[in-house]
């Protein structure tokens, strides 16, 4: 009965605070970017939906924390918390509904990054830049399987490319050049169309043959190199779904390519939202059971200010880690680990 009451009260405060923050965020962003958006009403609506999803990165964790503070203050002002403890209910039983609901919503949010939800920010930017229906990356030059690949234009959504040049390098240097005017990604590999393979000969004397050219109708290369991964790696994008991040790490680690930025992006996606349930536990035990022992208004201001400062610090460290300025384990892993240990200690010690 008590758990159901606390669960409903906490959920109500989460909904109110989350809705308010979302409307404020989307409204301010829309007012600022409205002159840059296309005239299409559908695209403007899509842009608002995408921004709504992007805002959850900030508003959902803050809503979970602020809602816990609001719930605790409500219980204190109504003297309900004193009555609950007087009935012999432990602090652990009181905080469990808050932990369960905050953790469930956080896990659900992280789960969204297994879906195209992870690319809402990229899609919002494409609408703002009036290129929503045509996504193209030009002049890509990357290495794969110790070969060098050039693509004049890549269309990641359509999974096609034009102007492909592949330079295959062996122990003695350049061995073959594969050229094609078009290619498509099918059956987990790139299929080149209407091109030619130029093989460099080993010249030991004047009697040796020169360059050998072979024309082909189709030719399969670059197995497993997804267009979306290729596009994001080349553009230095830090927005990855967890599935794409895993695939990119697996592919690029075999190519001995630096994967720090991708790993940092995946770590930030998982760890940053989990800070909210941890802070819910920590702040909960700092609040006395009665308003006689503290100033409610002062505590509310202090809790909000501390949350914003700590959240801002962690968000900044995540951004620096994704940009390669700091190590992901030091910038994200260490603060998260310390906060987790502190919250577990408080849960065991003060309950």
C-alpha atoms as a PDB file:
ATOM      1  CA  UNK A   1       0.000   0.000   0.000  1.00  0.00           C
ATOM      2  CA  UNK A   2       2.739   2.438   0.994  1.00  0.00           C
ATOM      3  CA  UNK A   3       4.879   1.501  -1.998  1.00  0.00           C
ATOM      4  CA  UNK A   4       1.942   2.054  -4.342  1.00  0.00           C
ATOM      5  CA  UNK A   5       1.274   5.486  -2.811  1.00  0.00           C
ATOM      6  CA  UNK A   6       4.908   6.566  -3.104  1.00  0.00           C
ATOM      7  CA  UNK A   7       5.163   5.112  -6.600  1.00  0.00           C
ATOM      8  CA  UNK A   8       2.140   7.058  -7.835  1.00  0.00           C
ATOM      9  CA  UNK A   9       3.219  10.293  -6.169  1.00  0.00           C
ATOM     10  CA  UNK A  10       6.753  10.063  -7.589  1.00  0.00           C
ATOM     11  CA  UNK A  11       5.416   9.177 -11.041  1.00  0.00           C
ATOM     12  CA  UNK A  12       3.058  12.163 -10.969  1.00  0.00           C
ATOM     13  CA  UNK A  13       5.889  14.564 -10.131  1.00  0.00           C
ATOM     14  CA  UNK A  14       8.100  13.020 -12.834  1.00  0.00           C
ATOM     15  CA  UNK A  15       5.395  13.557 -15.435  1.00  0.00           C
ATOM     16  CA  UNK A  16       4.764  17.177 -14.425  1.00  0.00           C
ATOM     17  CA  UNK A  17       8.427  18.189 -14.279  1.00  0.00           C
ATOM     18  CA  UNK A  18       9.386  16.238 -17.398  1.00  0.00           C
ATOM     19  CA  UNK A  19       6.533  17.734 -19.427  1.00  0.00           C
ATOM     20  CA  UNK A  20       7.423  21.253 -18.275  1.00  0.00           C
ATOM     21  CA  UNK A  21      11.112  20.884 -19.123  1.00  0.00           C
ATOM     22  CA  UNK A  22      10.371  19.281 -22.494  1.00  0.00           C
ATOM     23  CA  UNK A  23       7.915  21.972 -23.528  1.00  0.00           C
ATOM     24  CA  UNK A  24      10.354  24.680 -22.464  1.00  0.00           C
ATOM     25  CA  UNK A  25      13.282  23.082 -24.318  1.00  0.00           C
ATOM     26  CA  UNK A  26      11.373  22.381 -27.529  1.00  0.00           C
ATOM     27  CA  UNK A  27       9.653  25.765 -27.462  1.00  0.00           C
ATOM     28  CA  UNK A  28      12.866  27.751 -27.052  1.00  0.00           C
ATOM     29  CA  UNK A  29      14.654  25.699 -29.723  1.00  0.00           C
ATOM     30  CA  UNK A  30      11.757  26.029 -32.168  1.00  0.00           C
ATOM     31  CA  UNK A  31      11.507  29.802 -31.696  1.00  0.00           C
ATOM     32  CA  UNK A  32      15.236  30.118 -32.353  1.00  0.00           C
ATOM     33  CA  UNK A  33      15.368  27.881 -35.438  1.00  0.00           C
ATOM     34  CA  UNK A  34      11.937  28.582 -36.999  1.00  0.00           C
ATOM     35  CA  UNK A  35      13.328  31.046 -39.596  1.00  0.00           C
ATOM     36  CA  UNK A  36      15.800  28.383 -40.792  1.00  0.00           C
ATOM     37  CA  UNK A  37      13.239  25.577 -41.173  1.00  0.00           C
ATOM     38  CA  UNK A  38      11.575  24.635 -44.491  1.00  0.00           C
ATOM     39  CA  UNK A  39       8.064  25.933 -45.169  1.00  0.00           C
ATOM     40  CA  UNK A  40       6.652  22.400 -45.079  1.00  0.00           C
ATOM     41  CA  UNK A  41       4.380  21.861 -42.055  1.00  0.00           C
ATOM     42  CA  UNK A  42       5.236  18.144 -42.016  1.00  0.00           C
ATOM     43  CA  UNK A  43       8.957  18.811 -41.785  1.00  0.00           C
ATOM     44  CA  UNK A  44       8.423  21.386 -39.044  1.00  0.00           C
ATOM     45  CA  UNK A  45       6.394  18.849 -37.074  1.00  0.00           C
ATOM     46  CA  UNK A  46       9.078  16.206 -37.615  1.00  0.00           C
ATOM     47  CA  UNK A  47      11.708  18.670 -36.450  1.00  0.00           C
ATOM     48  CA  UNK A  48       9.763  19.308 -33.233  1.00  0.00           C
ATOM     49  CA  UNK A  49       9.435  15.548 -32.643  1.00  0.00           C
ATOM     50  CA  UNK A  50      13.151  14.996 -33.181  1.00  0.00           C
ATOM     51  CA  UNK A  51      14.058  17.881 -30.855  1.00  0.00           C
ATOM     52  CA  UNK A  52      11.658  16.429 -28.270  1.00  0.00           C
ATOM     53  CA  UNK A  53      13.635  13.177 -28.376  1.00  0.00           C
ATOM     54  CA  UNK A  54      16.988  14.973 -28.246  1.00  0.00           C
ATOM     55  CA  UNK A  55      15.887  16.993 -25.201  1.00  0.00           C
ATOM     56  CA  UNK A  56      15.316  13.805 -23.199  1.00  0.00           C
ATOM     57  CA  UNK A  57      19.082  13.435 -22.912  1.00  0.00           C
ATOM     58  CA  UNK A  58      19.021  16.352 -20.462  1.00  0.00           C
ATOM     59  CA  UNK A  59      15.465  16.618 -19.201  1.00  0.00           C
ATOM     60  CA  UNK A  60      14.767  12.995 -18.222  1.00  0.00           C
ATOM     61  CA  UNK A  61      17.630  12.571 -15.703  1.00  0.00           C
ATOM     62  CA  UNK A  62      16.934  16.003 -14.220  1.00  0.00           C
ATOM     63  CA  UNK A  63      13.222  15.203 -13.988  1.00  0.00           C
ATOM     64  CA  UNK A  64      13.922  11.995 -12.069  1.00  0.00           C
ATOM     65  CA  UNK A  65      16.062  13.856  -9.535  1.00  0.00           C
ATOM     66  CA  UNK A  66      13.863  16.943  -9.170  1.00  0.00           C
ATOM     67  CA  UNK A  67      10.751  14.778  -8.838  1.00  0.00           C
ATOM     68  CA  UNK A  68      12.347  12.875  -5.955  1.00  0.00           C
ATOM     69  CA  UNK A  69      13.171  16.182  -4.217  1.00  0.00           C
ATOM     70  CA  UNK A  70       9.600  17.418  -4.752  1.00  0.00           C
ATOM     71  CA  UNK A  71       8.156  14.128  -3.451  1.00  0.00           C
ATOM     72  CA  UNK A  72      10.336  14.170  -0.344  1.00  0.00           C
ATOM     73  CA  UNK A  73       9.431  17.782   0.433  1.00  0.00           C
ATOM     74  CA  UNK A  74       5.745  16.954   0.021  1.00  0.00           C
ATOM     75  CA  UNK A  75       6.066  14.098   2.511  1.00  0.00           C
ATOM     76  CA  UNK A  76       7.909  16.334   4.979  1.00  0.00           C
ATOM     77  CA  UNK A  77       5.526  19.283   4.796  1.00  0.00           C
ATOM     78  CA  UNK A  78       2.506  17.010   5.236  1.00  0.00           C
ATOM     79  CA  UNK A  79       4.284  15.269   8.169  1.00  0.00           C
ATOM     80  CA  UNK A  80       3.706  11.999   6.357  1.00  0.00           C
ATOM     81  CA  UNK A  81       7.368  10.993   6.534  1.00  0.00           C
ATOM     82  CA  UNK A  82       7.406  11.182  10.336  1.00  0.00           C
ATOM     83  CA  UNK A  83       4.266   9.063  10.502  1.00  0.00           C
ATOM     84  CA  UNK A  84       5.709   6.497   8.095  1.00  0.00           C
ATOM     85  CA  UNK A  85       8.889   6.097  10.157  1.00  0.00           C
ATOM     86  CA  UNK A  86       6.870   6.014  13.401  1.00  0.00           C
ATOM     87  CA  UNK A  87       4.998   2.991  12.071  1.00  0.00           C
ATOM     88  CA  UNK A  88       8.308   1.141  11.874  1.00  0.00           C
ATOM     89  CA  UNK A  89       8.890   1.450   8.124  1.00  0.00           C
ATOM     90  CA  UNK A  90      12.603   1.572   7.289  1.00  0.00           C
ATOM     91  CA  UNK A  91      14.250   4.121   5.023  1.00  0.00           C
ATOM     92  CA  UNK A  92      15.032   1.362   2.534  1.00  0.00           C
ATOM     93  CA  UNK A  93      11.343   0.551   2.132  1.00  0.00           C
ATOM     94  CA  UNK A  94      10.583   4.231   1.582  1.00  0.00           C
ATOM     95  CA  UNK A  95      13.262   4.794  -1.038  1.00  0.00           C
ATOM     96  CA  UNK A  96      12.731   1.573  -2.992  1.00  0.00           C
ATOM     97  CA  UNK A  97       9.772   2.867  -5.072  1.00  0.00           C
ATOM     98  CA  UNK A  98      11.916   5.859  -6.078  1.00  0.00           C
ATOM     99  CA  UNK A  99      14.852   3.642  -7.038  1.00  0.00           C
ATOM    100  CA  UNK A 100      12.702   1.156  -8.961  1.00  0.00           C
ATOM    101  CA  UNK A 101      10.834   3.769 -10.991  1.00  0.00           C
ATOM    102  CA  UNK A 102      13.918   5.903 -11.686  1.00  0.00           C
ATOM    103  CA  UNK A 103      15.939   2.837 -12.717  1.00  0.00           C
ATOM    104  CA  UNK A 104      13.143   1.447 -14.920  1.00  0.00           C
ATOM    105  CA  UNK A 105      12.712   4.732 -16.801  1.00  0.00           C
ATOM    106  CA  UNK A 106      16.481   5.088 -17.174  1.00  0.00           C
ATOM    107  CA  UNK A 107      16.905   1.572 -18.570  1.00  0.00           C
ATOM    108  CA  UNK A 108      13.970   2.166 -20.921  1.00  0.00           C
ATOM    109  CA  UNK A 109      15.608   5.377 -22.148  1.00  0.00           C
ATOM    110  CA  UNK A 110      18.952   3.645 -22.712  1.00  0.00           C
ATOM    111  CA  UNK A 111      17.093   0.920 -24.598  1.00  0.00           C
ATOM    112  CA  UNK A 112      15.855   3.543 -27.065  1.00  0.00           C
ATOM    113  CA  UNK A 113      19.452   3.831 -28.279  1.00  0.00           C
ATOM    114  CA  UNK A 114      19.126   0.366 -29.756  1.00  0.00           C
ATOM    115  CA  UNK A 115      16.708   1.948 -32.249  1.00  0.00           C
ATOM    116  CA  UNK A 116      16.869   4.833 -34.780  1.00  0.00           C
ATOM    117  CA  UNK A 117      16.042   7.110 -31.812  1.00  0.00           C
ATOM    118  CA  UNK A 118      19.818   7.511 -31.467  1.00  0.00           C
ATOM    119  CA  UNK A 119      19.908   9.564 -34.685  1.00  0.00           C
ATOM    120  CA  UNK A 120      17.156  12.053 -33.853  1.00  0.00           C
ATOM    121  CA  UNK A 121      19.684  14.865 -33.417  1.00  0.00           C
ATOM    122  CA  UNK A 122      21.262  14.144 -36.810  1.00  0.00           C
ATOM    123  CA  UNK A 123      17.838  14.092 -38.474  1.00  0.00           C
ATOM    124  CA  UNK A 124      16.813  17.346 -36.799  1.00  0.00           C
ATOM    125  CA  UNK A 125      19.991  18.970 -38.105  1.00  0.00           C
ATOM    126  CA  UNK A 126      19.309  17.652 -41.611  1.00  0.00           C
ATOM    127  CA  UNK A 127      15.864  19.301 -41.594  1.00  0.00           C
ATOM    128  CA  UNK A 128      17.337  22.550 -40.336  1.00  0.00           C
ATOM    129  CA  UNK A 129      19.934  22.456 -43.108  1.00  0.00           C
ATOM    130  CA  UNK A 130      17.273  21.555 -45.718  1.00  0.00           C
ATOM    131  CA  UNK A 131      18.838  18.233 -46.650  1.00  0.00           C
ATOM    132  CA  UNK A 132      16.444  15.820 -44.963  1.00  0.00           C
ATOM    133  CA  UNK A 133      15.621  13.829 -48.110  1.00  0.00           C
ATOM    134  CA  UNK A 134      19.166  13.773 -49.492  1.00  0.00           C
ATOM    135  CA  UNK A 135      21.979  12.742 -47.186  1.00  0.00           C
ATOM    136  CA  UNK A 136      25.346  12.751 -48.887  1.00  0.00           C
ATOM    137  CA  UNK A 137      28.967  12.752 -47.747  1.00  0.00           C
ATOM    138  CA  UNK A 138      31.569  13.812 -50.270  1.00  0.00           C
ATOM    139  CA  UNK A 139      35.244  12.973 -50.842  1.00  0.00           C
ATOM    140  CA  UNK A 140      35.633  10.123 -48.352  1.00  0.00           C
ATOM    141  CA  UNK A 141      39.122   8.700 -47.990  1.00  0.00           C
ATOM    142  CA  UNK A 142      39.540   5.870 -45.451  1.00  0.00           C
ATOM    143  CA  UNK A 143      41.584   2.748 -44.844  1.00  0.00           C
ATOM    144  CA  UNK A 144      40.136  -0.761 -44.539  1.00  0.00           C
ATOM    145  CA  UNK A 145      41.909  -4.107 -44.509  1.00  0.00           C
ATOM    146  CA  UNK A 146      45.154  -2.116 -44.957  1.00  0.00           C
ATOM    147  CA  UNK A 147      43.831  -0.780 -48.259  1.00  0.00           C
ATOM    148  CA  UNK A 148      42.881   2.787 -49.131  1.00  0.00           C
ATOM    149  CA  UNK A 149      39.360   3.575 -50.283  1.00  0.00           C
ATOM    150  CA  UNK A 150      38.175   6.783 -51.903  1.00  0.00           C
ATOM    151  CA  UNK A 151      34.506   7.572 -52.566  1.00  0.00           C
ATOM    152  CA  UNK A 152      33.550  10.685 -54.432  1.00  0.00           C
ATOM    153  CA  UNK A 153      30.051  10.682 -52.909  1.00  0.00           C
ATOM    154  CA  UNK A 154      28.423   8.397 -50.328  1.00  0.00           C
ATOM    155  CA  UNK A 155      24.655   8.162 -49.800  1.00  0.00           C
ATOM    156  CA  UNK A 156      24.368   6.391 -46.415  1.00  0.00           C
ATOM    157  CA  UNK A 157      20.549   6.263 -46.347  1.00  0.00           C
ATOM    158  CA  UNK A 158      20.320   4.745 -49.840  1.00  0.00           C
ATOM    159  CA  UNK A 159      23.448   2.654 -49.141  1.00  0.00           C
ATOM    160  CA  UNK A 160      25.032   3.630 -52.435  1.00  0.00           C
ATOM    161  CA  UNK A 161      28.172   5.460 -53.565  1.00  0.00           C
ATOM    162  CA  UNK A 162      29.673   6.864 -56.758  1.00  0.00           C
ATOM    163  CA  UNK A 163      33.227   7.423 -57.909  1.00  0.00           C
ATOM    164  CA  UNK A 164      34.962   4.583 -56.040  1.00  0.00           C
ATOM    165  CA  UNK A 165      38.710   4.028 -56.097  1.00  0.00           C
ATOM    166  CA  UNK A 166      40.276   1.208 -54.058  1.00  0.00           C
ATOM    167  CA  UNK A 167      44.057   1.036 -53.729  1.00  0.00           C
ATOM    168  CA  UNK A 168      45.176  -2.405 -52.591  1.00  0.00           C
ATOM    169  CA  UNK A 169      48.539  -2.335 -50.857  1.00  0.00           C
ATOM    170  CA  UNK A 170      50.794  -5.338 -50.338  1.00  0.00           C
ATOM    171  CA  UNK A 171      54.215  -5.945 -48.779  1.00  0.00           C
ATOM    172  CA  UNK A 172      55.939  -4.279 -51.742  1.00  0.00           C
ATOM    173  CA  UNK A 173      53.595  -1.307 -51.976  1.00  0.00           C
ATOM    174  CA  UNK A 174      50.700  -0.641 -54.329  1.00  0.00           C
ATOM    175  CA  UNK A 175      49.537  -3.819 -56.090  1.00  0.00           C
ATOM    176  CA  UNK A 176      46.102  -3.114 -57.604  1.00  0.00           C
ATOM    177  CA  UNK A 177      43.721  -0.255 -58.227  1.00  0.00           C
ATOM    178  CA  UNK A 178      40.008  -1.025 -58.479  1.00  0.00           C
ATOM    179  CA  UNK A 179      37.812   1.675 -59.993  1.00  0.00           C
ATOM    180  CA  UNK A 180      34.058   1.880 -60.391  1.00  0.00           C
ATOM    181  CA  UNK A 181      31.582   4.645 -61.087  1.00  0.00           C
ATOM    182  CA  UNK A 182      28.888   3.251 -58.775  1.00  0.00           C
ATOM    183  CA  UNK A 183      28.438   0.774 -55.936  1.00  0.00           C
ATOM    184  CA  UNK A 184      25.715  -0.440 -53.581  1.00  0.00           C
ATOM    185  CA  UNK A 185      25.815  -2.157 -50.202  1.00  0.00           C
ATOM    186  CA  UNK A 186      24.023  -5.500 -50.499  1.00  0.00           C
ATOM    187  CA  UNK A 187      24.374  -8.816 -48.662  1.00  0.00           C
ATOM    188  CA  UNK A 188      26.720  -7.178 -46.115  1.00  0.00           C
ATOM    189  CA  UNK A 189      29.272  -6.148 -48.744  1.00  0.00           C
ATOM    190  CA  UNK A 190      29.878  -3.432 -51.316  1.00  0.00           C
ATOM    191  CA  UNK A 191      29.051  -4.476 -54.872  1.00  0.00           C
ATOM    192  CA  UNK A 192      30.895  -2.426 -57.487  1.00  0.00           C
ATOM    193  CA  UNK A 193      29.323  -2.069 -60.928  1.00  0.00           C
ATOM    194  CA  UNK A 194      30.928  -1.557 -64.357  1.00  0.00           C
ATOM    195  CA  UNK A 195      34.534  -0.966 -63.408  1.00  0.00           C
ATOM    196  CA  UNK A 196      38.046  -2.183 -63.961  1.00  0.00           C
ATOM    197  CA  UNK A 197      40.942  -3.670 -62.042  1.00  0.00           C
ATOM    198  CA  UNK A 198      44.388  -2.341 -62.855  1.00  0.00           C
ATOM    199  CA  UNK A 199      47.172  -4.648 -61.682  1.00  0.00           C
ATOM    200  CA  UNK A 200      50.693  -3.328 -61.230  1.00  0.00           C
ATOM    201  CA  UNK A 201      53.297  -5.757 -62.620  1.00  0.00           C
ATOM    202  CA  UNK A 202      56.569  -6.750 -61.004  1.00  0.00           C
ATOM    203  CA  UNK A 203      59.080  -5.311 -63.417  1.00  0.00           C
ATOM    204  CA  UNK A 204      62.445  -7.074 -63.439  1.00  0.00           C
ATOM    205  CA  UNK A 205      63.452  -6.259 -66.984  1.00  0.00           C
ATOM    206  CA  UNK A 206      62.441  -4.621 -70.229  1.00  0.00           C
ATOM    207  CA  UNK A 207      60.788  -7.816 -71.449  1.00  0.00           C
ATOM    208  CA  UNK A 208      58.192  -7.878 -68.631  1.00  0.00           C
ATOM    209  CA  UNK A 209      54.565  -6.997 -69.305  1.00  0.00           C
ATOM    210  CA  UNK A 210      53.174  -3.611 -68.296  1.00  0.00           C
ATOM    211  CA  UNK A 211      49.958  -2.735 -66.500  1.00  0.00           C
ATOM    212  CA  UNK A 212      47.203  -5.314 -66.717  1.00  0.00           C
ATOM    213  CA  UNK A 213      43.617  -4.044 -66.948  1.00  0.00           C
ATOM    214  CA  UNK A 214      40.560  -6.268 -66.447  1.00  0.00           C
ATOM    215  CA  UNK A 215      36.999  -5.003 -66.859  1.00  0.00           C
ATOM    216  CA  UNK A 216      34.177  -6.369 -64.700  1.00  0.00           C
ATOM    217  CA  UNK A 217      30.395  -6.079 -64.495  1.00  0.00           C
ATOM    218  CA  UNK A 218      30.187  -6.594 -60.716  1.00  0.00           C
ATOM    219  CA  UNK A 219      32.837  -6.972 -58.055  1.00  0.00           C
ATOM    220  CA  UNK A 220      32.339  -7.488 -54.282  1.00  0.00           C
ATOM    221  CA  UNK A 221      34.613  -5.759 -51.735  1.00  0.00           C
ATOM    222  CA  UNK A 222      34.612  -4.264 -48.200  1.00  0.00           C
ATOM    223  CA  UNK A 223      32.585  -6.975 -46.516  1.00  0.00           C
ATOM    224  CA  UNK A 224      30.859  -5.798 -43.343  1.00  0.00           C
ATOM    225  CA  UNK A 225      31.672  -2.109 -43.754  1.00  0.00           C
ATOM    226  CA  UNK A 226      28.220  -0.569 -43.195  1.00  0.00           C
ATOM    227  CA  UNK A 227      27.544   2.734 -44.996  1.00  0.00           C
ATOM    228  CA  UNK A 228      26.181   4.337 -41.827  1.00  0.00           C
ATOM    229  CA  UNK A 229      29.337   3.389 -39.918  1.00  0.00           C
ATOM    230  CA  UNK A 230      31.545   4.555 -42.768  1.00  0.00           C
ATOM    231  CA  UNK A 231      29.719   7.894 -42.885  1.00  0.00           C
ATOM    232  CA  UNK A 232      29.863   8.553 -39.144  1.00  0.00           C
ATOM    233  CA  UNK A 233      33.486   7.519 -38.746  1.00  0.00           C
ATOM    234  CA  UNK A 234      34.561   9.782 -41.579  1.00  0.00           C
ATOM    235  CA  UNK A 235      32.469  12.748 -40.397  1.00  0.00           C
ATOM    236  CA  UNK A 236      33.665  12.325 -36.811  1.00  0.00           C
ATOM    237  CA  UNK A 237      30.051  11.941 -35.667  1.00  0.00           C
ATOM    238  CA  UNK A 238      29.485  11.073 -32.007  1.00  0.00           C
ATOM    239  CA  UNK A 239      25.855   9.960 -32.423  1.00  0.00           C
ATOM    240  CA  UNK A 240      25.714   6.175 -32.573  1.00  0.00           C
ATOM    241  CA  UNK A 241      23.065   3.659 -31.732  1.00  0.00           C
ATOM    242  CA  UNK A 242      24.464   1.061 -29.353  1.00  0.00           C
ATOM    243  CA  UNK A 243      24.229  -1.580 -32.088  1.00  0.00           C
ATOM    244  CA  UNK A 244      26.111   0.570 -34.619  1.00  0.00           C
ATOM    245  CA  UNK A 245      28.673   1.528 -31.986  1.00  0.00           C
ATOM    246  CA  UNK A 246      29.319  -2.143 -31.205  1.00  0.00           C
ATOM    247  CA  UNK A 247      29.653  -3.032 -34.884  1.00  0.00           C
ATOM    248  CA  UNK A 248      31.938  -0.062 -35.521  1.00  0.00           C
ATOM    249  CA  UNK A 249      34.175  -1.009 -32.589  1.00  0.00           C
ATOM    250  CA  UNK A 250      34.384  -4.630 -33.750  1.00  0.00           C
ATOM    251  CA  UNK A 251      35.156  -3.670 -37.358  1.00  0.00           C
ATOM    252  CA  UNK A 252      37.593  -0.830 -36.714  1.00  0.00           C
ATOM    253  CA  UNK A 253      39.481  -2.570 -33.912  1.00  0.00           C
ATOM    254  CA  UNK A 254      40.419  -5.303 -36.388  1.00  0.00           C
ATOM    255  CA  UNK A 255      41.695  -2.599 -38.740  1.00  0.00           C
ATOM    256  CA  UNK A 256      43.867  -1.123 -35.954  1.00  0.00           C
ATOM    257  CA  UNK A 257      41.938   2.143 -36.218  1.00  0.00           C
ATOM    258  CA  UNK A 258      41.536   4.382 -33.153  1.00  0.00           C
ATOM    259  CA  UNK A 259      38.112   3.696 -31.657  1.00  0.00           C
ATOM    260  CA  UNK A 260      38.341   5.981 -28.598  1.00  0.00           C
ATOM    261  CA  UNK A 261      35.694   8.419 -29.812  1.00  0.00           C
ATOM    262  CA  UNK A 262      33.212   5.672 -30.641  1.00  0.00           C
ATOM    263  CA  UNK A 263      33.827   3.930 -27.328  1.00  0.00           C
ATOM    264  CA  UNK A 264      33.433   7.233 -25.453  1.00  0.00           C
ATOM    265  CA  UNK A 265      30.136   7.914 -27.228  1.00  0.00           C
ATOM    266  CA  UNK A 266      28.795   4.473 -26.289  1.00  0.00           C
ATOM    267  CA  UNK A 267      29.980   4.863 -22.693  1.00  0.00           C
ATOM    268  CA  UNK A 268      28.339   8.288 -22.395  1.00  0.00           C
ATOM    269  CA  UNK A 269      25.083   6.887 -23.790  1.00  0.00           C
ATOM    270  CA  UNK A 270      24.957   4.225 -21.073  1.00  0.00           C
ATOM    271  CA  UNK A 271      26.535   5.910 -18.040  1.00  0.00           C
ATOM    272  CA  UNK A 272      25.174   9.457 -18.138  1.00  0.00           C
ATOM    273  CA  UNK A 273      21.492   8.481 -17.707  1.00  0.00           C
ATOM    274  CA  UNK A 274      22.415   6.076 -14.896  1.00  0.00           C
ATOM    275  CA  UNK A 275      23.664   9.030 -12.851  1.00  0.00           C
ATOM    276  CA  UNK A 276      20.024   9.956 -12.128  1.00  0.00           C
ATOM    277  CA  UNK A 277      19.106   6.881  -9.975  1.00  0.00           C
ATOM    278  CA  UNK A 278      22.437   7.247  -8.168  1.00  0.00           C
ATOM    279  CA  UNK A 279      21.760  10.886  -7.265  1.00  0.00           C
ATOM    280  CA  UNK A 280      18.218   9.982  -6.243  1.00  0.00           C
ATOM    281  CA  UNK A 281      19.679   7.705  -3.559  1.00  0.00           C
ATOM    282  CA  UNK A 282      22.330  10.188  -2.444  1.00  0.00           C
ATOM    283  CA  UNK A 283      20.053  13.212  -2.146  1.00  0.00           C
ATOM    284  CA  UNK A 284      17.309  11.198  -0.435  1.00  0.00           C
ATOM    285  CA  UNK A 285      19.432  10.453   2.613  1.00  0.00           C
ATOM    286  CA  UNK A 286      20.555  14.059   3.022  1.00  0.00           C
ATOM    287  CA  UNK A 287      17.017  15.227   3.766  1.00  0.00           C
ATOM    288  CA  UNK A 288      15.868  15.210   7.435  1.00  0.00           C
ATOM    289  CA  UNK A 289      12.519  13.689   8.240  1.00  0.00           C
ATOM    290  CA  UNK A 290      10.923  16.901   9.554  1.00  0.00           C
ATOM    291  CA  UNK A 291      10.875  20.550   8.462  1.00  0.00           C
ATOM    292  CA  UNK A 292      11.755  21.529  12.053  1.00  0.00           C
ATOM    293  CA  UNK A 293      15.361  20.508  11.447  1.00  0.00           C
ATOM    294  CA  UNK A 294      16.039  22.404   8.211  1.00  0.00           C
ATOM    295  CA  UNK A 295      14.866  25.157   5.882  1.00  0.00           C
ATOM    296  CA  UNK A 296      12.812  23.512   3.122  1.00  0.00           C
ATOM    297  CA  UNK A 297      13.280  26.340   0.620  1.00  0.00           C
ATOM    298  CA  UNK A 298      17.021  26.473   1.229  1.00  0.00           C
ATOM    299  CA  UNK A 299      17.347  22.718   0.850  1.00  0.00           C
ATOM    300  CA  UNK A 300      15.337  22.709  -2.388  1.00  0.00           C
ATOM    301  CA  UNK A 301      17.525  25.427  -3.889  1.00  0.00           C
ATOM    302  CA  UNK A 302      20.692  23.678  -2.729  1.00  0.00           C
ATOM    303  CA  UNK A 303      19.609  20.292  -4.092  1.00  0.00           C
ATOM    304  CA  UNK A 304      18.692  21.768  -7.478  1.00  0.00           C
ATOM    305  CA  UNK A 305      21.897  23.794  -7.670  1.00  0.00           C
ATOM    306  CA  UNK A 306      24.086  20.818  -6.682  1.00  0.00           C
ATOM    307  CA  UNK A 307      22.338  18.577  -9.206  1.00  0.00           C
ATOM    308  CA  UNK A 308      22.799  21.076 -12.030  1.00  0.00           C
ATOM    309  CA  UNK A 309      26.488  21.651 -11.199  1.00  0.00           C
ATOM    310  CA  UNK A 310      27.271  17.933 -10.923  1.00  0.00           C
ATOM    311  CA  UNK A 311      25.242  17.083 -14.020  1.00  0.00           C
ATOM    312  CA  UNK A 312      26.906  19.912 -15.959  1.00  0.00           C
ATOM    313  CA  UNK A 313      30.351  18.663 -14.918  1.00  0.00           C
ATOM    314  CA  UNK A 314      29.612  15.087 -15.993  1.00  0.00           C
ATOM    315  CA  UNK A 315      28.038  16.254 -19.252  1.00  0.00           C
ATOM    316  CA  UNK A 316      31.116  18.378 -19.991  1.00  0.00           C
ATOM    317  CA  UNK A 317      33.439  15.451 -19.233  1.00  0.00           C
ATOM    318  CA  UNK A 318      31.391  13.245 -21.557  1.00  0.00           C
ATOM    319  CA  UNK A 319      31.716  15.830 -24.339  1.00  0.00           C
ATOM    320  CA  UNK A 320      35.467  16.117 -23.792  1.00  0.00           C
ATOM    321  CA  UNK A 321      35.809  12.320 -23.817  1.00  0.00           C
ATOM    322  CA  UNK A 322      33.844  12.048 -27.078  1.00  0.00           C
ATOM    323  CA  UNK A 323      36.088  14.681 -28.642  1.00  0.00           C
ATOM    324  CA  UNK A 324      39.210  12.775 -27.555  1.00  0.00           C
ATOM    325  CA  UNK A 325      40.393  15.440 -25.098  1.00  0.00           C
ATOM    326  CA  UNK A 326      40.254  13.180 -22.018  1.00  0.00           C
ATOM    327  CA  UNK A 327      40.266   9.432 -21.574  1.00  0.00           C
ATOM    328  CA  UNK A 328      36.762   7.959 -21.350  1.00  0.00           C
ATOM    329  CA  UNK A 329      37.603   5.857 -18.299  1.00  0.00           C
ATOM    330  CA  UNK A 330      38.973   8.868 -16.416  1.00  0.00           C
ATOM    331  CA  UNK A 331      36.397  11.379 -17.610  1.00  0.00           C
ATOM    332  CA  UNK A 332      33.306   9.164 -17.287  1.00  0.00           C
ATOM    333  CA  UNK A 333      34.156   5.811 -15.742  1.00  0.00           C
ATOM    334  CA  UNK A 334      35.932   7.152 -12.647  1.00  0.00           C
ATOM    335  CA  UNK A 335      33.293   9.749 -11.604  1.00  0.00           C
ATOM    336  CA  UNK A 336      30.505   7.257 -12.254  1.00  0.00           C
ATOM    337  CA  UNK A 337      32.270   4.575 -10.205  1.00  0.00           C
ATOM    338  CA  UNK A 338      32.876   6.936  -7.279  1.00  0.00           C
ATOM    339  CA  UNK A 339      29.257   8.128  -7.238  1.00  0.00           C
ATOM    340  CA  UNK A 340      27.994   4.542  -7.461  1.00  0.00           C
ATOM    341  CA  UNK A 341      30.149   3.409  -4.537  1.00  0.00           C
ATOM    342  CA  UNK A 342      29.107   6.425  -2.468  1.00  0.00           C
ATOM    343  CA  UNK A 343      25.418   5.798  -3.138  1.00  0.00           C
ATOM    344  CA  UNK A 344      25.756   2.101  -2.212  1.00  0.00           C
ATOM    345  CA  UNK A 345      27.558   3.062   0.989  1.00  0.00           C
ATOM    346  CA  UNK A 346      24.817   5.540   1.920  1.00  0.00           C
ATOM    347  CA  UNK A 347      22.091   3.025   1.100  1.00  0.00           C
ATOM    348  CA  UNK A 348      23.656   0.445   3.423  1.00  0.00           C
ATOM    349  CA  UNK A 349      24.869   2.854   6.112  1.00  0.00           C
ATOM    350  CA  UNK A 350      21.953   5.240   6.610  1.00  0.00           C
ATOM    351  CA  UNK A 351      18.969   3.007   6.003  1.00  0.00           C
END
